[in-house]
C-alpha cells in the first residue's frame, strides 16, 4: 500500500520503503511489522535520509509467549547452543515417574 508520505523505492526487489519522520511517528507499529517481515525502512527528514530500520540479523528472536513466561519466572531462556553430543548424553533417572506425574498435573491445571 502506497500513500503520499511513503513509497517503495526502486528496485522493488530490494524491499526498501521510504517514510517521513512524521508518518513514521504516526504509524510506528505498522512500520515495525514491516521490518519484522523483512523489509527495510528508510527514514526521511526534510527530504534527506537520516536513518534506516532493518531487520535484526544474528539475533534470535523469541515468540512473545516465551518472553512472557520468562518474565513470570516460569522458564529461563538459554544463553547458548547445546553441546554437539547433547542428545547422546544419558538422561536423568526418574524411576518413580515423579517428573511425568508433575507435568501431567500441570497440564490438568492449565499451566
PDB file of N, CA and C in Angstrom:
ATOM      1  N   UNK A   1       0.839  -1.167   0.000  1.00  0.00           N
ATOM      2  CA  UNK A   1       0.000   0.000   0.000  1.00  0.00           C
ATOM      3  C   UNK A   1       0.890   1.237   0.000  1.00  0.00           C
ATOM      4  N   UNK A   2       0.635   2.159  -0.938  1.00  0.00           N
ATOM      5  CA  UNK A   2       1.431   3.373  -1.033  1.00  0.00           C
ATOM      6  C   UNK A   2       0.554   4.571  -0.724  1.00  0.00           C
ATOM      7  N   UNK A   3       1.121   5.597  -0.128  1.00  0.00           N
ATOM      8  CA  UNK A   3       0.423   6.865   0.043  1.00  0.00           C
ATOM      9  C   UNK A   3       1.405   7.979  -0.260  1.00  0.00           C
ATOM     10  N   UNK A   4       0.992   9.241  -0.085  1.00  0.00           N
ATOM     11  CA  UNK A   4       1.855  10.349  -0.471  1.00  0.00           C
ATOM     12  C   UNK A   4       3.073  10.516   0.425  1.00  0.00           C
ATOM     13  N   UNK A   5       3.081   9.901   1.609  1.00  0.00           N
ATOM     14  CA  UNK A   5       4.219  10.044   2.516  1.00  0.00           C
ATOM     15  C   UNK A   5       5.186   8.871   2.482  1.00  0.00           C
ATOM     16  N   UNK A   6       4.791   7.776   1.858  1.00  0.00           N
ATOM     17  CA  UNK A   6       5.697   6.630   1.786  1.00  0.00           C
ATOM     18  C   UNK A   6       5.599   6.011   0.408  1.00  0.00           C
ATOM     19  N   UNK A   7       6.715   5.477  -0.044  1.00  0.00           N
ATOM     20  CA  UNK A   7       6.731   4.836  -1.353  1.00  0.00           C
ATOM     21  C   UNK A   7       7.774   3.735  -1.336  1.00  0.00           C
ATOM     22  N   UNK A   8       7.609   2.797  -2.237  1.00  0.00           N
ATOM     23  CA  UNK A   8       8.603   1.747  -2.387  1.00  0.00           C
ATOM     24  C   UNK A   8       9.653   2.277  -3.342  1.00  0.00           C
ATOM     25  N   UNK A   9      10.918   2.231  -2.945  1.00  0.00           N
ATOM     26  CA  UNK A   9      11.985   2.729  -3.802  1.00  0.00           C
ATOM     27  C   UNK A   9      12.332   1.690  -4.846  1.00  0.00           C
ATOM     28  N   UNK A  10      12.986   2.098  -5.899  1.00  0.00           N
ATOM     29  CA  UNK A  10      13.406   1.187  -6.960  1.00  0.00           C
ATOM     30  C   UNK A  10      14.762   0.584  -6.610  1.00  0.00           C
ATOM     31  N   UNK A  11      15.082  -0.632  -6.923  1.00  0.00           N
ATOM     32  CA  UNK A  11      14.150  -1.605  -7.454  1.00  0.00           C
ATOM     33  C   UNK A  11      13.284  -2.194  -6.357  1.00  0.00           C
ATOM     34  N   UNK A  12      12.104  -2.653  -6.701  1.00  0.00           N
ATOM     35  CA  UNK A  12      11.168  -3.163  -5.703  1.00  0.00           C
ATOM     36  C   UNK A  12      11.712  -4.417  -5.017  1.00  0.00           C
ATOM     37  N   UNK A  13      12.571  -5.185  -5.710  1.00  0.00           N
ATOM     38  CA  UNK A  13      13.122  -6.400  -5.106  1.00  0.00           C
ATOM     39  C   UNK A  13      13.919  -6.093  -3.840  1.00  0.00           C
ATOM     40  N   UNK A  14      14.465  -4.871  -3.754  1.00  0.00           N
ATOM     41  CA  UNK A  14      15.251  -4.502  -2.586  1.00  0.00           C
ATOM     42  C   UNK A  14      14.371  -4.368  -1.347  1.00  0.00           C
ATOM     43  N   UNK A  15      13.072  -4.188  -1.542  1.00  0.00           N
ATOM     44  CA  UNK A  15      12.103  -4.080  -0.445  1.00  0.00           C
ATOM     45  C   UNK A  15      12.464  -2.988   0.543  1.00  0.00           C
ATOM     46  N   UNK A  16      12.868  -1.836   0.052  1.00  0.00           N
ATOM     47  CA  UNK A  16      13.157  -0.694   0.909  1.00  0.00           C
ATOM     48  C   UNK A  16      11.989   0.263   0.800  1.00  0.00           C
ATOM     49  N   UNK A  17      11.429   0.637   1.917  1.00  0.00           N
ATOM     50  CA  UNK A  17      10.304   1.563   1.955  1.00  0.00           C
ATOM     51  C   UNK A  17      10.818   2.882   2.510  1.00  0.00           C
ATOM     52  N   UNK A  18      10.405   3.987   1.904  1.00  0.00           N
ATOM     53  CA  UNK A  18      10.807   5.306   2.351  1.00  0.00           C
ATOM     54  C   UNK A  18       9.640   5.949   3.086  1.00  0.00           C
ATOM     55  N   UNK A  19       9.918   6.584   4.231  1.00  0.00           N
ATOM     56  CA  UNK A  19       8.862   7.201   5.035  1.00  0.00           C
ATOM     57  C   UNK A  19       9.397   8.455   5.701  1.00  0.00           C
ATOM     58  N   UNK A  20       8.547   9.451   5.841  1.00  0.00           N
ATOM     59  CA  UNK A  20       8.936  10.666   6.552  1.00  0.00           C
ATOM     60  C   UNK A  20       8.875  10.419   8.060  1.00  0.00           C
ATOM     61  N   UNK A  21       9.568  11.243   8.807  1.00  0.00           N
ATOM     62  CA  UNK A  21       9.579  11.110  10.268  1.00  0.00           C
ATOM     63  C   UNK A  21       8.165  11.223  10.823  1.00  0.00           C
ATOM     64  N   UNK A  22       7.390  12.189  10.330  1.00  0.00           N
ATOM     65  CA  UNK A  22       6.034  12.384  10.861  1.00  0.00           C
ATOM     66  C   UNK A  22       5.149  11.170  10.594  1.00  0.00           C
ATOM     67  N   UNK A  23       5.255  10.583   9.399  1.00  0.00           N
ATOM     68  CA  UNK A  23       4.461   9.395   9.083  1.00  0.00           C
ATOM     69  C   UNK A  23       4.923   8.203   9.929  1.00  0.00           C
ATOM     70  N   UNK A  24       6.230   8.089  10.139  1.00  0.00           N
ATOM     71  CA  UNK A  24       6.760   7.009  10.977  1.00  0.00           C
ATOM     72  C   UNK A  24       6.233   7.127  12.404  1.00  0.00           C
ATOM     73  N   UNK A  25       6.234   8.344  12.943  1.00  0.00           N
ATOM     74  CA  UNK A  25       5.714   8.551  14.306  1.00  0.00           C
ATOM     75  C   UNK A  25       4.252   8.147  14.402  1.00  0.00           C
ATOM     76  N   UNK A  26       3.482   8.499  13.367  1.00  0.00           N
ATOM     77  CA  UNK A  26       2.048   8.235  13.392  1.00  0.00           C
ATOM     78  C   UNK A  26       1.730   6.750  13.207  1.00  0.00           C
ATOM     79  N   UNK A  27       2.617   6.009  12.551  1.00  0.00           N
ATOM     80  CA  UNK A  27       2.333   4.615  12.211  1.00  0.00           C
ATOM     81  C   UNK A  27       3.489   3.689  12.572  1.00  0.00           C
ATOM     82  N   UNK A  28       4.119   3.931  13.703  1.00  0.00           N
ATOM     83  CA  UNK A  28       5.307   3.162  14.073  1.00  0.00           C
ATOM     84  C   UNK A  28       5.051   1.661  14.098  1.00  0.00           C
ATOM     85  N   UNK A  29       3.941   1.223  14.688  1.00  0.00           N
ATOM     86  CA  UNK A  29       3.658  -0.208  14.776  1.00  0.00           C
ATOM     87  C   UNK A  29       3.589  -0.848  13.393  1.00  0.00           C
ATOM     88  N   UNK A  30       2.963  -0.166  12.459  1.00  0.00           N
ATOM     89  CA  UNK A  30       2.857  -0.692  11.091  1.00  0.00           C
ATOM     90  C   UNK A  30       4.243  -0.879  10.479  1.00  0.00           C
ATOM     91  N   UNK A  31       5.111   0.111  10.641  1.00  0.00           N
ATOM     92  CA  UNK A  31       6.441   0.009  10.049  1.00  0.00           C
ATOM     93  C   UNK A  31       7.299  -1.031  10.764  1.00  0.00           C
ATOM     94  N   UNK A  32       7.129  -1.180  12.060  1.00  0.00           N
ATOM     95  CA  UNK A  32       7.866  -2.225  12.774  1.00  0.00           C
ATOM     96  C   UNK A  32       7.418  -3.611  12.315  1.00  0.00           C
ATOM     97  N   UNK A  33       6.114  -3.782  12.033  1.00  0.00           N
ATOM     98  CA  UNK A  33       5.637  -5.060  11.494  1.00  0.00           C
ATOM     99  C   UNK A  33       6.303  -5.340  10.146  1.00  0.00           C
ATOM    100  N   UNK A  34       6.440  -4.308   9.322  1.00  0.00           N
ATOM    101  CA  UNK A  34       7.069  -4.474   8.017  1.00  0.00           C
ATOM    102  C   UNK A  34       8.536  -4.887   8.172  1.00  0.00           C
ATOM    103  N   UNK A  35       9.227  -4.264   9.124  1.00  0.00           N
ATOM    104  CA  UNK A  35      10.638  -4.596   9.350  1.00  0.00           C
ATOM    105  C   UNK A  35      10.756  -6.034   9.856  1.00  0.00           C
ATOM    106  N   UNK A  36       9.879  -6.430  10.767  1.00  0.00           N
ATOM    107  CA  UNK A  36       9.898  -7.815  11.248  1.00  0.00           C
ATOM    108  C   UNK A  36       9.685  -8.799  10.108  1.00  0.00           C
ATOM    109  N   UNK A  37       8.902  -8.387   9.098  1.00  0.00           N
ATOM    110  CA  UNK A  37       8.620  -9.242   7.946  1.00  0.00           C
ATOM    111  C   UNK A  37       9.764  -9.242   6.935  1.00  0.00           C
ATOM    112  N   UNK A  38      10.820  -8.464   7.198  1.00  0.00           N
ATOM    113  CA  UNK A  38      11.988  -8.500   6.329  1.00  0.00           C
ATOM    114  C   UNK A  38      12.223  -7.246   5.501  1.00  0.00           C
ATOM    115  N   UNK A  39      11.317  -6.281   5.550  1.00  0.00           N
ATOM    116  CA  UNK A  39      11.507  -5.049   4.777  1.00  0.00           C
ATOM    117  C   UNK A  39      12.488  -4.108   5.476  1.00  0.00           C
ATOM    118  N   UNK A  40      13.069  -3.217   4.711  1.00  0.00           N
ATOM    119  CA  UNK A  40      13.880  -2.137   5.263  1.00  0.00           C
ATOM    120  C   UNK A  40      13.092  -0.845   5.105  1.00  0.00           C
ATOM    121  N   UNK A  41      13.251   0.068   6.056  1.00  0.00           N
ATOM    122  CA  UNK A  41      12.544   1.350   6.021  1.00  0.00           C
ATOM    123  C   UNK A  41      13.582   2.458   6.096  1.00  0.00           C
ATOM    124  N   UNK A  42      13.606   3.303   5.069  1.00  0.00           N
ATOM    125  CA  UNK A  42      14.498   4.450   5.016  1.00  0.00           C
ATOM    126  C   UNK A  42      13.727   5.655   5.527  1.00  0.00           C
ATOM    127  N   UNK A  43      14.242   6.313   6.563  1.00  0.00           N
ATOM    128  CA  UNK A  43      13.551   7.434   7.199  1.00  0.00           C
ATOM    129  C   UNK A  43      14.087   8.739   6.624  1.00  0.00           C
ATOM    130  N   UNK A  44      13.155   9.587   6.185  1.00  0.00           N
ATOM    131  CA  UNK A  44      13.489  10.848   5.528  1.00  0.00           C
ATOM    132  C   UNK A  44      13.037  12.017   6.403  1.00  0.00           C
ATOM    133  N   UNK A  45      13.910  13.007   6.551  1.00  0.00           N
ATOM    134  CA  UNK A  45      13.559  14.246   7.261  1.00  0.00           C
ATOM    135  C   UNK A  45      13.941  15.424   6.361  1.00  0.00           C
ATOM    136  N   UNK A  46      12.963  16.252   6.076  1.00  0.00           N
ATOM    137  CA  UNK A  46      13.167  17.407   5.195  1.00  0.00           C
ATOM    138  C   UNK A  46      13.816  16.997   3.871  1.00  0.00           C
ATOM    139  N   UNK A  47      13.347  15.873   3.340  1.00  0.00           N
ATOM    140  CA  UNK A  47      13.825  15.417   2.043  1.00  0.00           C
ATOM    141  C   UNK A  47      15.163  14.694   2.040  1.00  0.00           C
ATOM    142  N   UNK A  48      15.774  14.512   3.217  1.00  0.00           N
ATOM    143  CA  UNK A  48      17.091  13.864   3.293  1.00  0.00           C
ATOM    144  C   UNK A  48      17.007  12.602   4.145  1.00  0.00           C
ATOM    145  N   UNK A  49      17.647  11.522   3.693  1.00  0.00           N
ATOM    146  CA  UNK A  49      17.668  10.302   4.503  1.00  0.00           C
ATOM    147  C   UNK A  49      18.447  10.533   5.800  1.00  0.00           C
ATOM    148  N   UNK A  50      17.885  10.083   6.909  1.00  0.00           N
ATOM    149  CA  UNK A  50      18.573  10.253   8.202  1.00  0.00           C
ATOM    150  C   UNK A  50      18.839   8.928   8.910  1.00  0.00           C
ATOM    151  N   UNK A  51      18.063   7.885   8.573  1.00  0.00           N
ATOM    152  CA  UNK A  51      18.252   6.600   9.250  1.00  0.00           C
ATOM    153  C   UNK A  51      17.594   5.500   8.433  1.00  0.00           C
ATOM    154  N   UNK A  52      17.974   4.263   8.760  1.00  0.00           N
ATOM    155  CA  UNK A  52      17.357   3.114   8.109  1.00  0.00           C
ATOM    156  C   UNK A  52      17.037   2.078   9.174  1.00  0.00           C
ATOM    157  N   UNK A  53      15.796   1.594   9.169  1.00  0.00           N
ATOM    158  CA  UNK A  53      15.405   0.486  10.035  1.00  0.00           C
ATOM    159  C   UNK A  53      15.559  -0.792   9.232  1.00  0.00           C
ATOM    160  N   UNK A  54      16.293  -1.737   9.780  1.00  0.00           N
ATOM    161  CA  UNK A  54      16.496  -3.012   9.097  1.00  0.00           C
ATOM    162  C   UNK A  54      16.192  -4.149  10.073  1.00  0.00           C
ATOM    163  N   UNK A  55      15.804  -5.304   9.550  1.00  0.00           N
ATOM    164  CA  UNK A  55      15.570  -6.444  10.439  1.00  0.00           C
ATOM    165  C   UNK A  55      16.856  -6.800  11.184  1.00  0.00           C
ATOM    166  N   UNK A  56      16.711  -7.181  12.419  1.00  0.00           N
ATOM    167  CA  UNK A  56      17.864  -7.597  13.211  1.00  0.00           C
ATOM    168  C   UNK A  56      18.396  -8.908  12.650  1.00  0.00           C
ATOM    169  N   UNK A  57      19.698  -8.972  12.416  1.00  0.00           N
ATOM    170  CA  UNK A  57      20.307 -10.201  11.927  1.00  0.00           C
ATOM    171  C   UNK A  57      21.279 -10.701  12.980  1.00  0.00           C
ATOM    172  N   UNK A  58      21.397 -11.998  13.054  1.00  0.00           N
ATOM    173  CA  UNK A  58      22.301 -12.591  14.028  1.00  0.00           C
ATOM    174  C   UNK A  58      21.724 -12.584  15.434  1.00  0.00           C
ATOM    175  N   UNK A  59      20.509 -12.068  15.575  1.00  0.00           N
ATOM    176  CA  UNK A  59      19.838 -12.034  16.866  1.00  0.00           C
ATOM    177  C   UNK A  59      18.637 -12.965  16.765  1.00  0.00           C
ATOM    178  N   UNK A  60      18.602 -13.941  17.613  1.00  0.00           N
ATOM    179  CA  UNK A  60      17.490 -14.872  17.577  1.00  0.00           C
ATOM    180  C   UNK A  60      16.314 -14.259  18.318  1.00  0.00           C
ATOM    181  N   UNK A  61      15.199 -14.122  17.621  1.00  0.00           N
ATOM    182  CA  UNK A  61      14.017 -13.567  18.257  1.00  0.00           C
ATOM    183  C   UNK A  61      13.166 -14.706  18.796  1.00  0.00           C
ATOM    184  N   UNK A  62      12.577 -14.475  19.932  1.00  0.00           N
ATOM    185  CA  UNK A  62      11.764 -15.493  20.583  1.00  0.00           C
ATOM    186  C   UNK A  62      10.295 -15.115  20.502  1.00  0.00           C
ATOM    187  N   UNK A  63       9.422 -16.109  20.465  1.00  0.00           N
ATOM    188  CA  UNK A  63       7.988 -15.820  20.458  1.00  0.00           C
ATOM    189  C   UNK A  63       7.570 -15.064  21.719  1.00  0.00           C
ATOM    190  N   UNK A  64       6.556 -14.223  21.583  1.00  0.00           N
ATOM    191  CA  UNK A  64       6.084 -13.412  22.708  1.00  0.00           C
ATOM    192  C   UNK A  64       5.675 -14.257  23.911  1.00  0.00           C
ATOM    193  N   UNK A  65       5.079 -15.445  23.659  1.00  0.00           N
ATOM    194  CA  UNK A  65       4.637 -16.261  24.789  1.00  0.00           C
ATOM    195  C   UNK A  65       5.820 -16.743  25.626  1.00  0.00           C
ATOM    196  N   UNK A  66       6.972 -17.014  24.978  1.00  0.00           N
ATOM    197  CA  UNK A  66       8.151 -17.428  25.752  1.00  0.00           C
ATOM    198  C   UNK A  66       8.698 -16.271  26.574  1.00  0.00           C
ATOM    199  N   UNK A  67       8.704 -15.084  25.991  1.00  0.00           N
ATOM    200  CA  UNK A  67       9.164 -13.912  26.739  1.00  0.00           C
ATOM    201  C   UNK A  67       8.260 -13.642  27.936  1.00  0.00           C
ATOM    202  N   UNK A  68       6.955 -13.839  27.755  1.00  0.00           N
ATOM    203  CA  UNK A  68       6.005 -13.646  28.860  1.00  0.00           C
ATOM    204  C   UNK A  68       6.251 -14.678  29.962  1.00  0.00           C
ATOM    205  N   UNK A  69       6.504 -15.937  29.571  1.00  0.00           N
ATOM    206  CA  UNK A  69       6.790 -16.969  30.568  1.00  0.00           C
ATOM    207  C   UNK A  69       8.077 -16.661  31.328  1.00  0.00           C
ATOM    208  N   UNK A  70       9.079 -16.129  30.614  1.00  0.00           N
ATOM    209  CA  UNK A  70      10.328 -15.772  31.284  1.00  0.00           C
ATOM    210  C   UNK A  70      10.090 -14.628  32.277  1.00  0.00           C
ATOM    211  N   UNK A  71       9.297 -13.661  31.872  1.00  0.00           N
ATOM    212  CA  UNK A  71       9.000 -12.520  32.747  1.00  0.00           C
ATOM    213  C   UNK A  71       8.300 -12.972  34.029  1.00  0.00           C
ATOM    214  N   UNK A  72       7.469 -14.023  33.903  1.00  0.00           N
ATOM    215  CA  UNK A  72       6.767 -14.563  35.064  1.00  0.00           C
ATOM    216  C   UNK A  72       7.655 -15.474  35.911  1.00  0.00           C
ATOM    217  N   UNK A  73       8.854 -15.747  35.420  1.00  0.00           N
ATOM    218  CA  UNK A  73       9.761 -16.622  36.154  1.00  0.00           C
ATOM    219  C   UNK A  73       9.474 -18.105  35.967  1.00  0.00           C
ATOM    220  N   UNK A  74       8.677 -18.445  34.952  1.00  0.00           N
ATOM    221  CA  UNK A  74       8.305 -19.839  34.740  1.00  0.00           C
ATOM    222  C   UNK A  74       9.300 -20.596  33.870  1.00  0.00           C
ATOM    223  N   UNK A  75      10.061 -19.883  33.054  1.00  0.00           N
ATOM    224  CA  UNK A  75      11.106 -20.512  32.243  1.00  0.00           C
ATOM    225  C   UNK A  75      12.343 -19.635  32.281  1.00  0.00           C
ATOM    226  N   UNK A  76      13.460 -20.247  31.952  1.00  0.00           N
ATOM    227  CA  UNK A  76      14.706 -19.497  31.824  1.00  0.00           C
ATOM    228  C   UNK A  76      15.187 -19.673  30.394  1.00  0.00           C
ATOM    229  N   UNK A  77      15.373 -18.559  29.703  1.00  0.00           N
ATOM    230  CA  UNK A  77      15.817 -18.602  28.320  1.00  0.00           C
ATOM    231  C   UNK A  77      17.298 -18.961  28.302  1.00  0.00           C
ATOM    232  N   UNK A  78      17.650 -19.922  27.472  1.00  0.00           N
ATOM    233  CA  UNK A  78      19.034 -20.361  27.369  1.00  0.00           C
ATOM    234  C   UNK A  78      19.935 -19.269  26.813  1.00  0.00           C
ATOM    235  N   UNK A  79      21.211 -19.391  27.091  1.00  0.00           N
ATOM    236  CA  UNK A  79      22.152 -18.361  26.653  1.00  0.00           C
ATOM    237  C   UNK A  79      23.092 -18.841  25.554  1.00  0.00           C
ATOM    238  N   UNK A  80      22.961 -20.075  25.131  1.00  0.00           N
ATOM    239  CA  UNK A  80      23.873 -20.574  24.113  1.00  0.00           C
ATOM    240  C   UNK A  80      23.330 -21.804  23.427  1.00  0.00           C
ATOM    241  N   UNK A  81      24.153 -22.388  22.588  1.00  0.00           N
ATOM    242  CA  UNK A  81      23.758 -23.590  21.858  1.00  0.00           C
ATOM    243  C   UNK A  81      24.040 -24.826  22.706  1.00  0.00           C
ATOM    244  N   UNK A  82      23.300 -25.873  22.409  1.00  0.00           N
ATOM    245  CA  UNK A  82      23.533 -27.138  23.098  1.00  0.00           C
ATOM    246  C   UNK A  82      24.836 -27.745  22.613  1.00  0.00           C
ATOM    247  N   UNK A  83      25.512 -28.481  23.487  1.00  0.00           N
ATOM    248  CA  UNK A  83      26.726 -29.176  23.040  1.00  0.00           C
ATOM    249  C   UNK A  83      26.377 -30.155  21.909  1.00  0.00           C
ATOM    250  N   UNK A  84      27.338 -30.412  21.053  1.00  0.00           N
ATOM    251  CA  UNK A  84      27.122 -31.278  19.890  1.00  0.00           C
ATOM    252  C   UNK A  84      26.551 -32.645  20.279  1.00  0.00           C
ATOM    253  N   UNK A  85      26.995 -33.187  21.368  1.00  0.00           N
ATOM    254  CA  UNK A  85      26.572 -34.532  21.777  1.00  0.00           C
ATOM    255  C   UNK A  85      25.402 -34.520  22.763  1.00  0.00           C
ATOM    256  N   UNK A  86      24.692 -33.428  22.871  1.00  0.00           N
ATOM    257  CA  UNK A  86      23.641 -33.285  23.884  1.00  0.00           C
ATOM    258  C   UNK A  86      22.636 -34.438  23.863  1.00  0.00           C
ATOM    259  N   UNK A  87      22.142 -34.804  22.683  1.00  0.00           N
ATOM    260  CA  UNK A  87      21.097 -35.817  22.599  1.00  0.00           C
ATOM    261  C   UNK A  87      21.631 -37.228  22.858  1.00  0.00           C
ATOM    262  N   UNK A  88      22.928 -37.376  22.888  1.00  0.00           N
ATOM    263  CA  UNK A  88      23.505 -38.688  23.202  1.00  0.00           C
ATOM    264  C   UNK A  88      23.834 -38.814  24.696  1.00  0.00           C
ATOM    265  N   UNK A  89      23.764 -37.722  25.439  1.00  0.00           N
ATOM    266  CA  UNK A  89      24.061 -37.764  26.870  1.00  0.00           C
ATOM    267  C   UNK A  89      23.032 -38.625  27.592  1.00  0.00           C
ATOM    268  N   UNK A  90      23.425 -39.288  28.680  1.00  0.00           N
ATOM    269  CA  UNK A  90      22.458 -40.107  29.429  1.00  0.00           C
ATOM    270  C   UNK A  90      21.378 -39.215  30.058  1.00  0.00           C
ATOM    271  N   UNK A  91      20.177 -39.709  30.031  1.00  0.00           N
ATOM    272  CA  UNK A  91      19.052 -38.958  30.615  1.00  0.00           C
ATOM    273  C   UNK A  91      19.028 -39.138  32.123  1.00  0.00           C
ATOM    274  N   UNK A  92      18.518 -38.140  32.840  1.00  0.00           N
ATOM    275  CA  UNK A  92      18.396 -38.291  34.297  1.00  0.00           C
ATOM    276  C   UNK A  92      17.432 -39.431  34.638  1.00  0.00           C
ATOM    277  N   UNK A  93      17.689 -40.069  35.735  1.00  0.00           N
ATOM    278  CA  UNK A  93      16.849 -41.184  36.178  1.00  0.00           C
ATOM    279  C   UNK A  93      15.635 -40.642  36.927  1.00  0.00           C
ATOM    280  N   UNK A  94      14.479 -41.246  36.676  1.00  0.00           N
ATOM    281  CA  UNK A  94      13.234 -40.910  37.379  1.00  0.00           C
ATOM    282  C   UNK A  94      12.415 -42.195  37.501  1.00  0.00           C
ATOM    283  N   UNK A  95      12.926 -43.143  38.309  1.00  0.00           N
ATOM    284  CA  UNK A  95      12.307 -44.469  38.345  1.00  0.00           C
ATOM    285  C   UNK A  95      10.861 -44.469  38.838  1.00  0.00           C
ATOM    286  N   UNK A  96      10.483 -43.510  39.646  1.00  0.00           N
ATOM    287  CA  UNK A  96       9.113 -43.488  40.162  1.00  0.00           C
ATOM    288  C   UNK A  96       8.180 -42.649  39.281  1.00  0.00           C
ATOM    289  N   UNK A  97       8.712 -42.050  38.216  1.00  0.00           N
ATOM    290  CA  UNK A  97       7.876 -41.285  37.292  1.00  0.00           C
ATOM    291  C   UNK A  97       7.329 -39.992  37.873  1.00  0.00           C
ATOM    292  N   UNK A  98       8.023 -39.429  38.859  1.00  0.00           N
ATOM    293  CA  UNK A  98       7.524 -38.218  39.519  1.00  0.00           C
ATOM    294  C   UNK A  98       7.523 -37.005  38.586  1.00  0.00           C
ATOM    295  N   UNK A  99       8.500 -36.937  37.691  1.00  0.00           N
ATOM    296  CA  UNK A  99       8.544 -35.811  36.748  1.00  0.00           C
ATOM    297  C   UNK A  99       7.338 -35.877  35.817  1.00  0.00           C
ATOM    298  N   UNK A 100       7.057 -37.057  35.285  1.00  0.00           N
ATOM    299  CA  UNK A 100       5.913 -37.225  34.403  1.00  0.00           C
ATOM    300  C   UNK A 100       4.618 -36.877  35.139  1.00  0.00           C
ATOM    301  N   UNK A 101       4.488 -37.314  36.374  1.00  0.00           N
ATOM    302  CA  UNK A 101       3.293 -37.016  37.156  1.00  0.00           C
ATOM    303  C   UNK A 101       3.136 -35.506  37.345  1.00  0.00           C
ATOM    304  N   UNK A 102       4.229 -34.807  37.613  1.00  0.00           N
ATOM    305  CA  UNK A 102       4.173 -33.355  37.809  1.00  0.00           C
ATOM    306  C   UNK A 102       3.755 -32.643  36.525  1.00  0.00           C
ATOM    307  N   UNK A 103       4.289 -33.089  35.412  1.00  0.00           N
ATOM    308  CA  UNK A 103       3.931 -32.479  34.120  1.00  0.00           C
ATOM    309  C   UNK A 103       2.451 -32.700  33.834  1.00  0.00           C
ATOM    310  N   UNK A 104       1.964 -33.891  34.071  1.00  0.00           N
ATOM    311  CA  UNK A 104       0.550 -34.186  33.824  1.00  0.00           C
ATOM    312  C   UNK A 104      -0.363 -33.364  34.735  1.00  0.00           C
ATOM    313  N   UNK A 105       0.029 -33.179  35.993  1.00  0.00           N
ATOM    314  CA  UNK A 105      -0.749 -32.333  36.911  1.00  0.00           C
ATOM    315  C   UNK A 105      -0.799 -30.888  36.415  1.00  0.00           C
ATOM    316  N   UNK A 106       0.344 -30.389  35.945  1.00  0.00           N
ATOM    317  CA  UNK A 106       0.378 -29.022  35.415  1.00  0.00           C
ATOM    318  C   UNK A 106      -0.537 -28.868  34.208  1.00  0.00           C
ATOM    319  N   UNK A 107      -0.536 -29.853  33.337  1.00  0.00           N
ATOM    320  CA  UNK A 107      -1.427 -29.813  32.165  1.00  0.00           C
ATOM    321  C   UNK A 107      -2.886 -29.791  32.586  1.00  0.00           C
ATOM    322  N   UNK A 108      -3.240 -30.585  33.576  1.00  0.00           N
ATOM    323  CA  UNK A 108      -4.629 -30.621  34.065  1.00  0.00           C
ATOM    324  C   UNK A 108      -5.054 -29.262  34.624  1.00  0.00           C
ATOM    325  N   UNK A 109      -4.124 -28.574  35.279  1.00  0.00           N
ATOM    326  CA  UNK A 109      -4.414 -27.253  35.863  1.00  0.00           C
ATOM    327  C   UNK A 109      -4.400 -26.148  34.815  1.00  0.00           C
ATOM    328  N   UNK A 110      -3.901 -26.462  33.612  1.00  0.00           N
ATOM    329  CA  UNK A 110      -3.848 -25.451  32.570  1.00  0.00           C
ATOM    330  C   UNK A 110      -2.655 -24.530  32.654  1.00  0.00           C
ATOM    331  N   UNK A 111      -1.595 -24.985  33.282  1.00  0.00           N
ATOM    332  CA  UNK A 111      -0.381 -24.142  33.406  1.00  0.00           C
ATOM    333  C   UNK A 111       0.397 -24.205  32.188  1.00  0.00           C
TER     334      UNK A 111
END
